[in-house]
Amino acid sequence: MALKKGQKAPDFTLPSTSGGNFTLSKNASSKPCVIYFYPKDFTKVCTAEACDFRDQFEAFRELDIQVVGISRDTITTHHKFKKEHKLPFELLSDASGKVCKSYDALIPIVNMPKRVTYFIDGNQIIQGVYSDMFESKKHVDEMMKHLKG
């Protein structure tokens, strides 16, 4: 089960494709963000999900909402993935899986990230959650519902 609406989002710091580190409490302070966890760069469903967020990125930007993707892939792999698919948002590398685990987004035993998306407000309170391992499109749709409703 994913974390629940109303819970405080766990703070974290991870390496980012921006070249520095992304810290939730610093980089998303006082403004909302969407954080989506996904299993692996360059796989069919993960690519579709990233491209869905890319295609809706302007709608998120108009609402001043940051989008961030997290997987256990390396920054090098993230850079290739981001470049190939022209992703306008940051990808973060959780090589150890600790952040995935703190967000209940890690499959036990295989230690692979689950497909879970969180809408977090500027106070780092979870305002929306969507989890579905096999469906990518609904992650963006569900976040847009939370943002518009």
Protein backbone atom coordinates (compact mmCIF):
# COMPACT_ATOMS: atom_id res chain seq x y z
CA MET A 1 0.00 0.00 0.00
CA ALA A 2 1.18 3.51 -0.84
CA LEU A 3 1.36 6.29 1.73
CA LYS A 4 -2.00 7.92 2.36
CA LYS A 5 -3.52 11.30 1.66
CA GLY A 6 -2.97 13.64 4.62
CA GLN A 7 0.37 12.10 5.63
CA LYS A 8 3.55 14.15 5.76
CA ALA A 9 5.75 13.23 2.79
CA PRO A 10 9.11 11.87 3.92
CA ASP A 11 11.92 14.32 3.20
CA PHE A 12 14.79 13.10 1.05
CA THR A 13 17.83 14.15 -0.95
CA LEU A 14 18.72 12.39 -4.21
CA PRO A 15 21.03 13.06 -7.17
CA SER A 16 19.22 14.75 -10.04
CA THR A 17 19.66 15.02 -13.78
CA SER A 18 20.04 18.77 -13.15
CA GLY A 19 23.57 18.03 -11.99
CA GLY A 20 22.98 18.66 -8.31
CA ASN A 21 20.88 17.12 -5.59
CA PHE A 22 17.13 17.45 -5.18
CA THR A 23 15.89 17.81 -1.59
CA LEU A 24 12.12 17.75 -1.20
CA SER A 25 12.00 20.24 1.69
CA LYS A 26 14.31 22.63 -0.19
CA ASN A 27 13.42 22.26 -3.87
CA ALA A 28 9.68 21.88 -3.38
CA SER A 29 9.18 24.12 -0.37
CA SER A 30 6.08 26.30 -0.46
CA LYS A 31 4.90 24.97 -3.82
CA PRO A 32 3.28 21.69 -4.81
CA CYS A 33 4.90 18.90 -6.75
CA VAL A 34 4.10 15.59 -8.35
CA ILE A 35 6.55 12.80 -7.63
CA TYR A 36 6.20 9.61 -9.57
CA PHE A 37 8.07 6.41 -8.82
CA TYR A 38 8.61 3.98 -11.67
CA PRO A 39 10.46 0.67 -12.16
CA LYS A 40 12.99 1.23 -14.94
CA ASP A 41 14.11 3.59 -17.71
CA PHE A 42 13.57 2.44 -21.30
CA THR A 43 10.94 -0.20 -20.51
CA LYS A 44 7.65 -0.03 -22.41
CA VAL A 45 5.24 1.08 -19.66
CA CYS A 46 7.78 3.34 -17.93
CA THR A 47 8.56 5.08 -21.22
CA ALA A 48 4.83 5.55 -21.89
CA GLU A 49 4.35 7.02 -18.41
CA ALA A 50 7.30 9.43 -18.75
CA CYS A 51 6.01 10.54 -22.16
CA ASP A 52 2.51 11.08 -20.71
CA PHE A 53 4.00 13.38 -18.05
CA ARG A 54 6.03 15.09 -20.81
CA ASP A 55 2.94 15.59 -22.96
CA GLN A 56 1.00 17.13 -20.05
CA PHE A 57 3.95 19.07 -18.68
CA GLU A 58 2.62 22.47 -19.80
CA ALA A 59 -0.58 21.93 -17.81
CA PHE A 60 1.49 21.21 -14.68
CA ARG A 61 3.74 24.21 -15.36
CA GLU A 62 0.75 26.53 -15.79
CA LEU A 63 -0.36 25.47 -12.30
CA ASP A 64 3.23 26.03 -11.02
CA ILE A 65 3.61 22.37 -10.12
CA GLN A 66 6.95 20.66 -10.37
CA VAL A 67 7.12 17.11 -11.78
CA VAL A 68 9.87 14.71 -10.66
CA GLY A 69 10.43 11.07 -11.61
CA ILE A 70 12.29 8.62 -9.34
CA SER A 71 13.67 5.17 -10.07
CA ARG A 72 16.71 3.15 -9.04
CA ASP A 73 18.42 3.76 -12.39
CA THR A 74 21.74 5.64 -12.46
CA ILE A 75 22.01 9.32 -13.33
CA THR A 76 23.85 8.30 -16.52
CA THR A 77 20.91 6.13 -17.60
CA HIS A 78 18.47 8.88 -16.58
CA HIS A 79 20.33 11.40 -18.76
CA LYS A 80 20.04 9.09 -21.78
CA PHE A 81 16.36 8.41 -21.06
CA LYS A 82 15.60 12.10 -20.57
CA LYS A 83 17.42 13.10 -23.77
CA GLU A 84 15.93 10.36 -25.95
CA HIS A 85 12.36 11.17 -24.89
CA LYS A 86 12.80 14.95 -24.51
CA LEU A 87 11.62 14.96 -20.90
CA PRO A 88 11.33 18.53 -19.54
CA PHE A 89 11.42 17.49 -15.87
CA GLU A 90 14.06 16.11 -13.53
CA LEU A 91 14.72 12.45 -12.92
CA LEU A 92 16.22 11.40 -9.60
CA SER A 93 18.36 8.35 -8.88
CA ASP A 94 17.49 6.34 -5.79
CA ALA A 95 20.25 3.73 -6.25
CA SER A 96 19.88 2.35 -2.72
CA GLY A 97 16.08 2.21 -2.87
CA LYS A 98 15.79 3.95 0.53
CA VAL A 99 13.53 6.74 -0.73
CA CYS A 100 11.36 4.29 -2.67
CA LYS A 101 11.02 2.26 0.52
CA SER A 102 10.15 5.33 2.65
CA TYR A 103 7.32 6.10 0.17
CA ASP A 104 6.18 2.48 0.19
CA ALA A 105 7.14 2.33 -3.48
CA LEU A 106 9.50 -0.64 -3.40
CA ILE A 107 8.56 -4.22 -4.19
CA PRO A 108 10.01 -6.45 -1.47
CA ILE A 109 12.49 -9.20 -2.36
CA VAL A 110 13.12 -7.94 -5.93
CA ASN A 111 13.76 -4.37 -4.65
CA MET A 112 12.24 -2.82 -7.77
CA PRO A 113 10.26 0.42 -7.52
CA LYS A 114 6.49 0.21 -7.80
CA ARG A 115 4.57 2.54 -10.09
CA VAL A 116 3.19 5.05 -7.55
CA THR A 117 2.46 8.75 -8.04
CA TYR A 118 2.05 11.34 -5.29
CA PHE A 119 0.71 14.89 -5.36
CA ILE A 120 2.41 16.76 -2.52
CA ASP A 121 1.45 20.28 -1.46
CA GLY A 122 3.85 23.08 -0.51
CA ASN A 123 3.80 21.96 3.12
CA GLN A 124 4.94 18.47 2.07
CA ILE A 125 1.54 16.94 2.86
CA ILE A 126 0.34 14.22 0.50
CA GLN A 127 -2.83 15.44 -1.21
CA GLY A 128 -3.23 12.68 -3.78
CA VAL A 129 -1.97 9.15 -4.44
CA TYR A 130 -2.35 6.81 -7.37
CA SER A 131 -0.83 3.35 -7.58
CA ASP A 132 -1.10 0.94 -10.50
CA MET A 133 1.83 -1.15 -11.61
CA PHE A 134 0.61 -1.90 -15.12
CA GLU A 135 -1.33 1.20 -16.21
CA SER A 136 0.72 4.31 -16.98
CA LYS A 137 -1.77 6.79 -18.48
CA LYS A 138 -4.01 6.90 -15.42
CA HIS A 139 -1.16 8.25 -13.27
CA VAL A 140 -1.18 11.56 -15.14
CA ASP A 141 -5.00 11.60 -15.38
CA GLU A 142 -5.41 11.03 -11.63
CA MET A 143 -2.92 13.80 -10.76
CA MET A 144 -4.72 16.21 -13.10
CA LYS A 145 -8.01 15.38 -11.33
CA HIS A 146 -6.44 16.26 -7.95
CA LEU A 147 -5.02 19.49 -9.31
CA LYS A 148 -8.20 20.67 -11.01
CA GLY A 149 -10.66 19.38 -8.43
